[in-house]
Amino acid sequence: WVYAERAAELPALDREQRACEELGIPWERTDNALCMPDQGRFDPRR
């Protein structure tokens, strides 16, 4: 997730969403956040 903490940050989030849509990058949008699905987390040392 990448999210806006304040209303003033929402335009930057909108620009990021438009850029991803134009590139065909999958995103999911909520009111103040963008989620890139199907990423990953792991134990890097193991």
All heavy atoms as atom14 arrays in JSON, in Angstrom:
{
  "sequence": "WVYAERAAELPALDREQRACEELGIPWERTDNALCMPDQGRFDPRR",
  "atom14_mask": [
    [1, 1, 1, 1, 1, 1, 1, 1, 1, 1, 1, 1, 1, 1],
    [1, 1, 1, 1, 1, 1, 1, 0, 0, 0, 0, 0, 0, 0],
    [1, 1, 1, 1, 1, 1, 1, 1, 1, 1, 1, 1, 0, 0],
    [1, 1, 1, 1, 1, 0, 0, 0, 0, 0, 0, 0, 0, 0],
    [1, 1, 1, 1, 1, 1, 1, 1, 1, 0, 0, 0, 0, 0],
    [1, 1, 1, 1, 1, 1, 1, 1, 1, 1, 1, 0, 0, 0],
    [1, 1, 1, 1, 1, 0, 0, 0, 0, 0, 0, 0, 0, 0],
    [1, 1, 1, 1, 1, 0, 0, 0, 0, 0, 0, 0, 0, 0],
    [1, 1, 1, 1, 1, 1, 1, 1, 1, 0, 0, 0, 0, 0],
    [1, 1, 1, 1, 1, 1, 1, 1, 0, 0, 0, 0, 0, 0],
    [1, 1, 1, 1, 1, 1, 1, 0, 0, 0, 0, 0, 0, 0],
    [1, 1, 1, 1, 1, 0, 0, 0, 0, 0, 0, 0, 0, 0],
    [1, 1, 1, 1, 1, 1, 1, 1, 0, 0, 0, 0, 0, 0],
    [1, 1, 1, 1, 1, 1, 1, 1, 0, 0, 0, 0, 0, 0],
    [1, 1, 1, 1, 1, 1, 1, 1, 1, 1, 1, 0, 0, 0],
    [1, 1, 1, 1, 1, 1, 1, 1, 1, 0, 0, 0, 0, 0],
    [1, 1, 1, 1, 1, 1, 1, 1, 1, 0, 0, 0, 0, 0],
    [1, 1, 1, 1, 1, 1, 1, 1, 1, 1, 1, 0, 0, 0],
    [1, 1, 1, 1, 1, 0, 0, 0, 0, 0, 0, 0, 0, 0],
    [1, 1, 1, 1, 1, 1, 0, 0, 0, 0, 0, 0, 0, 0],
    [1, 1, 1, 1, 1, 1, 1, 1, 1, 0, 0, 0, 0, 0],
    [1, 1, 1, 1, 1, 1, 1, 1, 1, 0, 0, 0, 0, 0],
    [1, 1, 1, 1, 1, 1, 1, 1, 0, 0, 0, 0, 0, 0],
    [1, 1, 1, 1, 0, 0, 0, 0, 0, 0, 0, 0, 0, 0],
    [1, 1, 1, 1, 1, 1, 1, 1, 0, 0, 0, 0, 0, 0],
    [1, 1, 1, 1, 1, 1, 1, 0, 0, 0, 0, 0, 0, 0],
    [1, 1, 1, 1, 1, 1, 1, 1, 1, 1, 1, 1, 1, 1],
    [1, 1, 1, 1, 1, 1, 1, 1, 1, 0, 0, 0, 0, 0],
    [1, 1, 1, 1, 1, 1, 1, 1, 1, 1, 1, 0, 0, 0],
    [1, 1, 1, 1, 1, 1, 1, 0, 0, 0, 0, 0, 0, 0],
    [1, 1, 1, 1, 1, 1, 1, 1, 0, 0, 0, 0, 0, 0],
    [1, 1, 1, 1, 1, 1, 1, 1, 0, 0, 0, 0, 0, 0],
    [1, 1, 1, 1, 1, 0, 0, 0, 0, 0, 0, 0, 0, 0],
    [1, 1, 1, 1, 1, 1, 1, 1, 0, 0, 0, 0, 0, 0],
    [1, 1, 1, 1, 1, 1, 0, 0, 0, 0, 0, 0, 0, 0],
    [1, 1, 1, 1, 1, 1, 1, 1, 0, 0, 0, 0, 0, 0],
    [1, 1, 1, 1, 1, 1, 1, 0, 0, 0, 0, 0, 0, 0],
    [1, 1, 1, 1, 1, 1, 1, 1, 0, 0, 0, 0, 0, 0],
    [1, 1, 1, 1, 1, 1, 1, 1, 1, 0, 0, 0, 0, 0],
    [1, 1, 1, 1, 0, 0, 0, 0, 0, 0, 0, 0, 0, 0],
    [1, 1, 1, 1, 1, 1, 1, 1, 1, 1, 1, 0, 0, 0],
    [1, 1, 1, 1, 1, 1, 1, 1, 1, 1, 1, 0, 0, 0],
    [1, 1, 1, 1, 1, 1, 1, 1, 0, 0, 0, 0, 0, 0],
    [1, 1, 1, 1, 1, 1, 1, 0, 0, 0, 0, 0, 0, 0],
    [1, 1, 1, 1, 1, 1, 1, 1, 1, 1, 1, 0, 0, 0],
    [1, 1, 1, 1, 1, 1, 1, 1, 1, 1, 1, 0, 0, 0]
  ],
  "atom14_positions": [
    [[0.81, -1.21, 0.0], [0.0, 0.0, 0.0], [0.85, 1.26, 0.0], [1.9, 1.32, 0.62], [-0.89, 0.03, 1.25], [-1.91, -1.07, 1.28], [-1.72, -2.37, 1.67], [-3.27, -0.97, 0.89], [-2.88, -3.09, 1.55], [-3.86, -2.25, 1.08], [-4.07, 0.06, 0.41], [-5.2, -2.51, 0.8], [-5.41, -0.19, 0.14], [-5.96, -1.45, 0.32]],
    [[0.35, 2.28, -0.69], [0.85, 3.64, -0.56], [-0.37, 4.5, -0.3], [-1.41, 4.35, -0.95], [1.63, 4.09, -1.82], [0.78, 4.01, -3.08], [2.17, 5.49, -1.64], [0.0, 0.0, 0.0], [0.0, 0.0, 0.0], [0.0, 0.0, 0.0], [0.0, 0.0, 0.0], [0.0, 0.0, 0.0], [0.0, 0.0, 0.0], [0.0, 0.0, 0.0]],
    [[-0.28, 5.4, 0.69], [-1.49, 6.11, 1.1], [-1.18, 7.57, 1.4], [-0.04, 7.98, 1.63], [-2.11, 5.45, 2.34], [-1.2, 5.38, 3.53], [-1.19, 6.39, 4.49], [-0.33, 4.3, 3.7], [-0.34, 6.33, 5.58], [0.51, 4.23, 4.81], [0.5, 5.24, 5.74], [1.35, 5.19, 6.82], [0.0, 0.0, 0.0], [0.0, 0.0, 0.0]],
    [[-2.26, 8.36, 1.36], [-2.18, 9.78, 1.68], [-2.62, 9.99, 3.12], [-3.67, 9.5, 3.53], [-3.07, 10.58, 0.74], [0.0, 0.0, 0.0], [0.0, 0.0, 0.0], [0.0, 0.0, 0.0], [0.0, 0.0, 0.0], [0.0, 0.0, 0.0], [0.0, 0.0, 0.0], [0.0, 0.0, 0.0], [0.0, 0.0, 0.0], [0.0, 0.0, 0.0]],
    [[-1.81, 10.69, 3.88], [-2.16, 11.0, 5.27], [-3.02, 12.25, 5.36], [-3.78, 12.41, 6.32], [-0.89, 11.18, 6.1], [-0.06, 9.93, 6.27], [1.12, 10.16, 7.18], [2.03, 10.93, 6.78], [1.14, 9.58, 8.28], [0.0, 0.0, 0.0], [0.0, 0.0, 0.0], [0.0, 0.0, 0.0], [0.0, 0.0, 0.0], [0.0, 0.0, 0.0]],
    [[-2.89, 13.15, 4.37], [-3.63, 14.41, 4.39], [-4.29, 14.63, 3.03], [-3.84, 14.1, 2.01], [-2.68, 15.57, 4.7], [-2.04, 15.47, 6.09], [-1.05, 16.61, 6.32], [0.11, 16.5, 5.42], [1.17, 15.75, 5.68], [1.24, 15.05, 6.8], [2.17, 15.71, 4.83], [0.0, 0.0, 0.0], [0.0, 0.0, 0.0], [0.0, 0.0, 0.0]],
    [[-5.33, 15.44, 3.03], [-6.07, 15.73, 1.8], [-5.16, 16.35, 0.74], [-5.33, 16.11, -0.47], [-7.26, 16.65, 2.09], [0.0, 0.0, 0.0], [0.0, 0.0, 0.0], [0.0, 0.0, 0.0], [0.0, 0.0, 0.0], [0.0, 0.0, 0.0], [0.0, 0.0, 0.0], [0.0, 0.0, 0.0], [0.0, 0.0, 0.0], [0.0, 0.0, 0.0]],
    [[-4.18, 17.12, 1.19], [-3.27, 17.78, 0.25], [-2.43, 16.78, -0.53], [-1.86, 17.13, -1.57], [-2.37, 18.75, 1.0], [0.0, 0.0, 0.0], [0.0, 0.0, 0.0], [0.0, 0.0, 0.0], [0.0, 0.0, 0.0], [0.0, 0.0, 0.0], [0.0, 0.0, 0.0], [0.0, 0.0, 0.0], [0.0, 0.0, 0.0], [0.0, 0.0, 0.0]],
    [[-2.32, 15.53, -0.05], [-1.51, 14.51, -0.74], [-2.32, 13.7, -1.74], [-1.74, 12.91, -2.5], [-0.9, 13.57, 0.31], [0.07, 14.28, 1.25], [0.52, 13.4, 2.4], [-0.13, 12.37, 2.67], [1.54, 13.73, 3.03], [0.0, 0.0, 0.0], [0.0, 0.0, 0.0], [0.0, 0.0, 0.0], [0.0, 0.0, 0.0], [0.0, 0.0, 0.0]],
    [[-3.63, 13.9, -1.77], [-4.48, 13.1, -2.67], [-4.19, 13.36, -4.15], [-4.23, 12.4, -4.94], [-5.95, 13.35, -2.36], [-6.45, 12.73, -1.04], [-7.87, 13.19, -0.75], [-6.39, 11.21, -1.12], [0.0, 0.0, 0.0], [0.0, 0.0, 0.0], [0.0, 0.0, 0.0], [0.0, 0.0, 0.0], [0.0, 0.0, 0.0], [0.0, 0.0, 0.0]],
    [[-3.92, 14.6, -4.58], [-3.6, 14.8, -6.01], [-2.41, 13.97, -6.48], [-2.41, 13.46, -7.6], [-3.33, 16.3, -6.11], [-4.15, 16.89, -5.0], [-4.07, 15.9, -3.88], [0.0, 0.0, 0.0], [0.0, 0.0, 0.0], [0.0, 0.0, 0.0], [0.0, 0.0, 0.0], [0.0, 0.0, 0.0], [0.0, 0.0, 0.0], [0.0, 0.0, 0.0]],
    [[-1.4, 13.83, -5.63], [-0.25, 13.01, -6.01], [-0.66, 11.55, -6.15], [-0.18, 10.83, -7.04], [0.86, 13.16, -4.97], [0.0, 0.0, 0.0], [0.0, 0.0, 0.0], [0.0, 0.0, 0.0], [0.0, 0.0, 0.0], [0.0, 0.0, 0.0], [0.0, 0.0, 0.0], [0.0, 0.0, 0.0], [0.0, 0.0, 0.0], [0.0, 0.0, 0.0]],
    [[-1.55, 11.1, -5.28], [-2.05, 9.73, -5.37], [-2.85, 9.54, -6.65], [-2.75, 8.49, -7.31], [-2.92, 9.44, -4.14], [-3.04, 7.99, -3.68], [-1.69, 7.45, -3.22], [-4.05, 7.87, -2.55], [0.0, 0.0, 0.0], [0.0, 0.0, 0.0], [0.0, 0.0, 0.0], [0.0, 0.0, 0.0], [0.0, 0.0, 0.0], [0.0, 0.0, 0.0]],
    [[-3.63, 10.56, -7.02], [-4.4, 10.5, -8.27], [-3.47, 10.39, -9.48], [-3.73, 9.62, -10.42], [-5.29, 11.73, -8.42], [-6.38, 11.79, -7.36], [-6.76, 10.72, -6.84], [-6.86, 12.91, -7.07], [0.0, 0.0, 0.0], [0.0, 0.0, 0.0], [0.0, 0.0, 0.0], [0.0, 0.0, 0.0], [0.0, 0.0, 0.0], [0.0, 0.0, 0.0]],
    [[-2.38, 11.15, -9.46], [-1.42, 11.1, -10.57], [-0.77, 9.72, -10.67], [-0.56, 9.2, -11.77], [-0.35, 12.19, -10.39], [-0.86, 13.6, -10.61], [0.28, 14.59, -10.72], [1.03, 14.72, -9.48], [0.72, 15.56, -8.5], [-0.34, 16.36, -8.62], [1.46, 15.64, -7.41], [0.0, 0.0, 0.0], [0.0, 0.0, 0.0], [0.0, 0.0, 0.0]],
    [[-0.46, 9.14, -9.52], [0.13, 7.8, -9.53], [-0.85, 6.78, -10.1], [-0.48, 5.9, -10.89], [0.55, 7.41, -8.12], [1.29, 6.09, -8.02], [2.73, 6.15, -8.48], [3.19, 7.25, -8.9], [3.42, 5.12, -8.44], [0.0, 0.0, 0.0], [0.0, 0.0, 0.0], [0.0, 0.0, 0.0], [0.0, 0.0, 0.0], [0.0, 0.0, 0.0]],
    [[-2.12, 6.9, -9.72], [-3.14, 5.98, -10.23], [-3.27, 6.11, -11.74], [-3.33, 5.1, -12.45], [-4.48, 6.25, -9.57], [-5.59, 5.32, -10.04], [-6.92, 5.6, -9.36], [-7.03, 6.51, -8.55], [-7.92, 4.81, -9.7], [0.0, 0.0, 0.0], [0.0, 0.0, 0.0], [0.0, 0.0, 0.0], [0.0, 0.0, 0.0], [0.0, 0.0, 0.0]],
    [[-3.31, 7.34, -12.26], [-3.43, 7.53, -13.71], [-2.22, 6.96, -14.44], [-2.36, 6.32, -15.49], [-3.57, 9.02, -14.02], [-4.93, 9.6, -13.67], [-5.14, 10.95, -14.33], [-4.15, 11.93, -13.89], [-4.3, 12.72, -12.82], [-5.42, 12.61, -12.09], [-3.38, 13.59, -12.49], [0.0, 0.0, 0.0], [0.0, 0.0, 0.0], [0.0, 0.0, 0.0]],
    [[-1.03, 7.17, -13.89], [0.18, 6.65, -14.53], [0.13, 5.13, -14.61], [0.47, 4.53, -15.64], [1.42, 7.11, -13.77], [0.0, 0.0, 0.0], [0.0, 0.0, 0.0], [0.0, 0.0, 0.0], [0.0, 0.0, 0.0], [0.0, 0.0, 0.0], [0.0, 0.0, 0.0], [0.0, 0.0, 0.0], [0.0, 0.0, 0.0], [0.0, 0.0, 0.0]],
    [[-0.3, 4.49, -13.52], [-0.37, 3.03, -13.5], [-1.44, 2.51, -14.46], [-1.23, 1.49, -15.14], [-0.64, 2.55, -12.09], [0.75, 2.8, -10.97], [0.0, 0.0, 0.0], [0.0, 0.0, 0.0], [0.0, 0.0, 0.0], [0.0, 0.0, 0.0], [0.0, 0.0, 0.0], [0.0, 0.0, 0.0], [0.0, 0.0, 0.0], [0.0, 0.0, 0.0]],
    [[-2.56, 3.2, -14.53], [-3.6, 2.78, -15.47], [-3.12, 2.87, -16.91], [-3.39, 1.99, -17.73], [-4.84, 3.65, -15.25], [-5.58, 3.35, -13.95], [-6.69, 4.34, -13.67], [-6.76, 5.38, -14.37], [-7.49, 4.08, -12.75], [0.0, 0.0, 0.0], [0.0, 0.0, 0.0], [0.0, 0.0, 0.0], [0.0, 0.0, 0.0], [0.0, 0.0, 0.0]],
    [[-2.41, 3.93, -17.22], [-1.88, 4.1, -18.59], [-0.85, 3.04, -18.93], [-0.72, 2.63, -20.09], [-1.29, 5.5, -18.74], [-2.33, 6.6, -18.7], [-1.71, 7.98, -18.64], [-0.46, 8.07, -18.63], [-2.46, 8.97, -18.58], [0.0, 0.0, 0.0], [0.0, 0.0, 0.0], [0.0, 0.0, 0.0], [0.0, 0.0, 0.0], [0.0, 0.0, 0.0]],
    [[-0.12, 2.57, -17.93], [0.92, 1.55, -18.15], [0.39, 0.13, -18.05], [1.1, -0.82, -18.33], [2.05, 1.74, -17.14], [2.87, 3.03, -17.27], [3.73, 3.24, -16.04], [3.73, 3.0, -18.53], [0.0, 0.0, 0.0], [0.0, 0.0, 0.0], [0.0, 0.0, 0.0], [0.0, 0.0, 0.0], [0.0, 0.0, 0.0], [0.0, 0.0, 0.0]],
    [[-0.86, -0.01, -17.6], [-1.43, -1.35, -17.43], [-0.96, -2.04, -16.18], [-1.0, -3.27, -16.09], [0.0, 0.0, 0.0], [0.0, 0.0, 0.0], [0.0, 0.0, 0.0], [0.0, 0.0, 0.0], [0.0, 0.0, 0.0], [0.0, 0.0, 0.0], [0.0, 0.0, 0.0], [0.0, 0.0, 0.0], [0.0, 0.0, 0.0], [0.0, 0.0, 0.0]],
    [[-0.51, -1.29, -15.18], [-0.06, -1.85, -13.91], [-1.27, -2.04, -13.0], [-2.05, -1.1, -12.81], [0.97, -0.92, -13.24], [2.22, -0.79, -14.13], [1.36, -1.44, -11.86], [3.22, 0.23, -13.63], [0.0, 0.0, 0.0], [0.0, 0.0, 0.0], [0.0, 0.0, 0.0], [0.0, 0.0, 0.0], [0.0, 0.0, 0.0], [0.0, 0.0, 0.0]],
    [[-1.46, -3.22, -12.44], [-2.64, -3.46, -11.61], [-2.59, -2.7, -10.28], [-1.58, -2.74, -9.57], [-2.62, -4.98, -11.38], [-1.19, -5.37, -11.55], [-0.62, -4.44, -12.58], [0.0, 0.0, 0.0], [0.0, 0.0, 0.0], [0.0, 0.0, 0.0], [0.0, 0.0, 0.0], [0.0, 0.0, 0.0], [0.0, 0.0, 0.0], [0.0, 0.0, 0.0]],
    [[-3.67, -2.01, -9.97], [-3.81, -1.29, -8.71], [-5.24, -1.42, -8.22], [-6.17, -1.6, -9.02], [-3.5, 0.21, -8.9], [-2.05, 0.52, -9.01], [-1.31, 0.53, -10.15], [-1.16, 0.87, -7.95], [-0.01, 0.86, -9.88], [0.11, 1.08, -8.53], [-1.3, 1.03, -6.59], [1.22, 1.44, -7.77], [-0.19, 1.39, -5.83], [1.05, 1.59, -6.43]],
    [[-5.43, -1.31, -6.92], [-6.74, -1.2, -6.32], [-6.78, 0.09, -5.52], [-5.84, 0.42, -4.82], [-7.01, -2.41, -5.41], [-7.0, -3.74, -6.16], [-7.04, -4.94, -5.23], [-7.1, -4.73, -3.98], [-6.97, -6.07, -5.72], [0.0, 0.0, 0.0], [0.0, 0.0, 0.0], [0.0, 0.0, 0.0], [0.0, 0.0, 0.0], [0.0, 0.0, 0.0]],
    [[-7.9, 0.82, -5.62], [-7.98, 2.15, -5.01], [-9.01, 2.18, -3.89], [-10.1, 1.64, -4.02], [-8.35, 3.19, -6.08], [-8.49, 4.63, -5.57], [-7.16, 5.22, -5.15], [-7.3, 6.5, -4.49], [-7.14, 7.7, -5.07], [-6.85, 7.74, -6.37], [-7.27, 8.8, -4.4], [0.0, 0.0, 0.0], [0.0, 0.0, 0.0], [0.0, 0.0, 0.0]],
    [[-8.64, 2.8, -2.79], [-9.59, 3.19, -1.76], [-9.6, 4.71, -1.72], [-8.95, 5.37, -2.54], [-9.2, 2.62, -0.39], [-7.97, 3.23, 0.04], [-9.01, 1.11, -0.45], [0.0, 0.0, 0.0], [0.0, 0.0, 0.0], [0.0, 0.0, 0.0], [0.0, 0.0, 0.0], [0.0, 0.0, 0.0], [0.0, 0.0, 0.0], [0.0, 0.0, 0.0]],
    [[-10.3, 5.28, -0.77], [-10.41, 6.75, -0.73], [-9.05, 7.42, -0.65], [-8.8, 8.41, -1.34], [-11.26, 7.18, 0.47], [-12.74, 6.85, 0.28], [-13.13, 6.62, -0.88], [-13.47, 6.81, 1.28], [0.0, 0.0, 0.0], [0.0, 0.0, 0.0], [0.0, 0.0, 0.0], [0.0, 0.0, 0.0], [0.0, 0.0, 0.0], [0.0, 0.0, 0.0]],
    [[-8.16, 6.9, 0.18], [-6.89, 7.59, 0.39], [-5.68, 6.69, 0.19], [-4.6, 6.97, 0.72], [-6.85, 8.19, 1.8], [-6.74, 7.12, 2.88], [-7.26, 6.01, 2.7], [-6.06, 7.42, 3.97], [0.0, 0.0, 0.0], [0.0, 0.0, 0.0], [0.0, 0.0, 0.0], [0.0, 0.0, 0.0], [0.0, 0.0, 0.0], [0.0, 0.0, 0.0]],
    [[-5.84, 5.6, -0.55], [-4.72, 4.67, -0.71], [-4.8, 3.93, -2.04], [-5.87, 3.76, -2.62], [-4.68, 3.68, 0.44], [0.0, 0.0, 0.0], [0.0, 0.0, 0.0], [0.0, 0.0, 0.0], [0.0, 0.0, 0.0], [0.0, 0.0, 0.0], [0.0, 0.0, 0.0], [0.0, 0.0, 0.0], [0.0, 0.0, 0.0], [0.0, 0.0, 0.0]],
    [[-3.62, 3.51, -2.49], [-3.51, 2.62, -3.65], [-2.85, 1.33, -3.19], [-1.86, 1.37, -2.46], [-2.65, 3.26, -4.75], [-3.24, 4.42, -5.54], [-2.18, 5.02, -6.44], [-4.43, 3.96, -6.38], [0.0, 0.0, 0.0], [0.0, 0.0, 0.0], [0.0, 0.0, 0.0], [0.0, 0.0, 0.0], [0.0, 0.0, 0.0], [0.0, 0.0, 0.0]],
    [[-3.38, 0.22, -3.63], [-2.81, -1.08, -3.3], [-2.35, -1.77, -4.57], [-3.09, -1.84, -5.55], [-3.85, -1.96, -2.59], [-3.31, -3.66, -2.3], [0.0, 0.0, 0.0], [0.0, 0.0, 0.0], [0.0, 0.0, 0.0], [0.0, 0.0, 0.0], [0.0, 0.0, 0.0], [0.0, 0.0, 0.0], [0.0, 0.0, 0.0], [0.0, 0.0, 0.0]],
    [[-1.12, -2.27, -4.57], [-0.65, -3.12, -5.65], [-0.8, -4.56, -5.18], [-0.11, -4.99, -4.24], [0.81, -2.82, -6.01], [1.32, -3.65, -7.19], [3.03, -3.23, -7.66], [2.78, -1.67, -8.5], [0.0, 0.0, 0.0], [0.0, 0.0, 0.0], [0.0, 0.0, 0.0], [0.0, 0.0, 0.0], [0.0, 0.0, 0.0], [0.0, 0.0, 0.0]],
    [[-1.7, -5.34, -5.8], [-1.97, -6.69, -5.29], [-0.88, -7.69, -5.68], [-0.06, -7.44, -6.56], [-3.3, -7.03, -5.96], [-3.27, -6.25, -7.25], [-2.54, -4.98, -6.93], [0.0, 0.0, 0.0], [0.0, 0.0, 0.0], [0.0, 0.0, 0.0], [0.0, 0.0, 0.0], [0.0, 0.0, 0.0], [0.0, 0.0, 0.0], [0.0, 0.0, 0.0]],
    [[-0.91, -8.82, -4.99], [-0.09, -9.98, -5.33], [1.41, -9.67, -5.33], [2.14, -10.09, -6.22], [-0.51, -10.56, -6.68], [-0.04, -12.0, -6.88], [0.12, -12.71, -5.86], [0.21, -12.39, -8.03], [0.0, 0.0, 0.0], [0.0, 0.0, 0.0], [0.0, 0.0, 0.0], [0.0, 0.0, 0.0], [0.0, 0.0, 0.0], [0.0, 0.0, 0.0]],
    [[1.85, -8.95, -4.31], [3.27, -8.74, -4.09], [3.74, -9.78, -3.07], [3.16, -10.85, -3.0], [3.52, -7.31, -3.62], [2.98, -6.26, -4.59], [3.59, -6.36, -5.98], [4.76, -6.06, -6.18], [2.81, -6.78, -6.96], [0.0, 0.0, 0.0], [0.0, 0.0, 0.0], [0.0, 0.0, 0.0], [0.0, 0.0, 0.0], [0.0, 0.0, 0.0]],
    [[4.76, -9.53, -2.3], [5.22, -10.59, -1.41], [5.92, -10.09, -0.16], [6.41, -8.96, -0.1], [0.0, 0.0, 0.0], [0.0, 0.0, 0.0], [0.0, 0.0, 0.0], [0.0, 0.0, 0.0], [0.0, 0.0, 0.0], [0.0, 0.0, 0.0], [0.0, 0.0, 0.0], [0.0, 0.0, 0.0], [0.0, 0.0, 0.0], [0.0, 0.0, 0.0]],
    [[5.94, -10.95, 0.86], [6.76, -10.75, 2.04], [7.39, -12.08, 2.41], [6.81, -13.14, 2.14], [5.96, -10.16, 3.2], [4.88, -11.05, 3.75], [4.12, -10.35, 4.87], [3.02, -11.13, 5.36], [2.11, -10.67, 6.22], [2.19, -9.42, 6.66], [1.13, -11.44, 6.63], [0.0, 0.0, 0.0], [0.0, 0.0, 0.0], [0.0, 0.0, 0.0]],
    [[8.57, -12.01, 3.05], [9.29, -13.24, 3.36], [10.35, -12.96, 4.4], [10.55, -11.82, 4.81], [9.89, -13.84, 2.1], [11.05, -13.07, 1.48], [11.96, -13.72, 0.65], [11.24, -11.72, 1.71], [13.03, -13.03, 0.08], [12.3, -11.03, 1.13], [13.19, -11.69, 0.32], [0.0, 0.0, 0.0], [0.0, 0.0, 0.0], [0.0, 0.0, 0.0]],
    [[11.01, -14.02, 4.84], [12.17, -13.9, 5.73], [13.4, -13.86, 4.83], [13.81, -14.89, 4.28], [12.22, -15.11, 6.67], [13.4, -15.07, 7.64], [14.45, -14.51, 7.28], [13.28, -15.65, 8.73], [0.0, 0.0, 0.0], [0.0, 0.0, 0.0], [0.0, 0.0, 0.0], [0.0, 0.0, 0.0], [0.0, 0.0, 0.0], [0.0, 0.0, 0.0]],
    [[14.02, -12.69, 4.63], [15.12, -12.58, 3.67], [16.36, -13.37, 4.05], [17.08, -13.86, 3.19], [15.39, -11.07, 3.62], [14.91, -10.56, 4.94], [13.73, -11.41, 5.29], [0.0, 0.0, 0.0], [0.0, 0.0, 0.0], [0.0, 0.0, 0.0], [0.0, 0.0, 0.0], [0.0, 0.0, 0.0], [0.0, 0.0, 0.0], [0.0, 0.0, 0.0]],
    [[16.6, -13.49, 5.34], [17.78, -14.25, 5.8], [17.6, -15.74, 5.47], [18.49, -16.38, 4.92], [17.96, -14.04, 7.3], [18.84, -15.04, 8.01], [20.31, -14.76, 7.89], [21.03, -15.51, 8.9], [22.32, -15.43, 9.11], [23.06, -14.64, 8.39], [22.91, -16.16, 10.04], [0.0, 0.0, 0.0], [0.0, 0.0, 0.0], [0.0, 0.0, 0.0]],
    [[16.46, -16.32, 5.83], [16.2, -17.72, 5.53], [16.23, -17.97, 4.03], [16.73, -19.0, 3.56], [14.83, -18.15, 6.09], [14.79, -18.36, 7.59], [13.4, -18.68, 8.05], [12.84, -19.85, 7.37], [11.54, -20.09, 7.25], [10.65, -19.24, 7.75], [11.12, -21.18, 6.63], [0.0, 0.0, 0.0], [0.0, 0.0, 0.0], [0.0, 0.0, 0.0]]
  ]
}
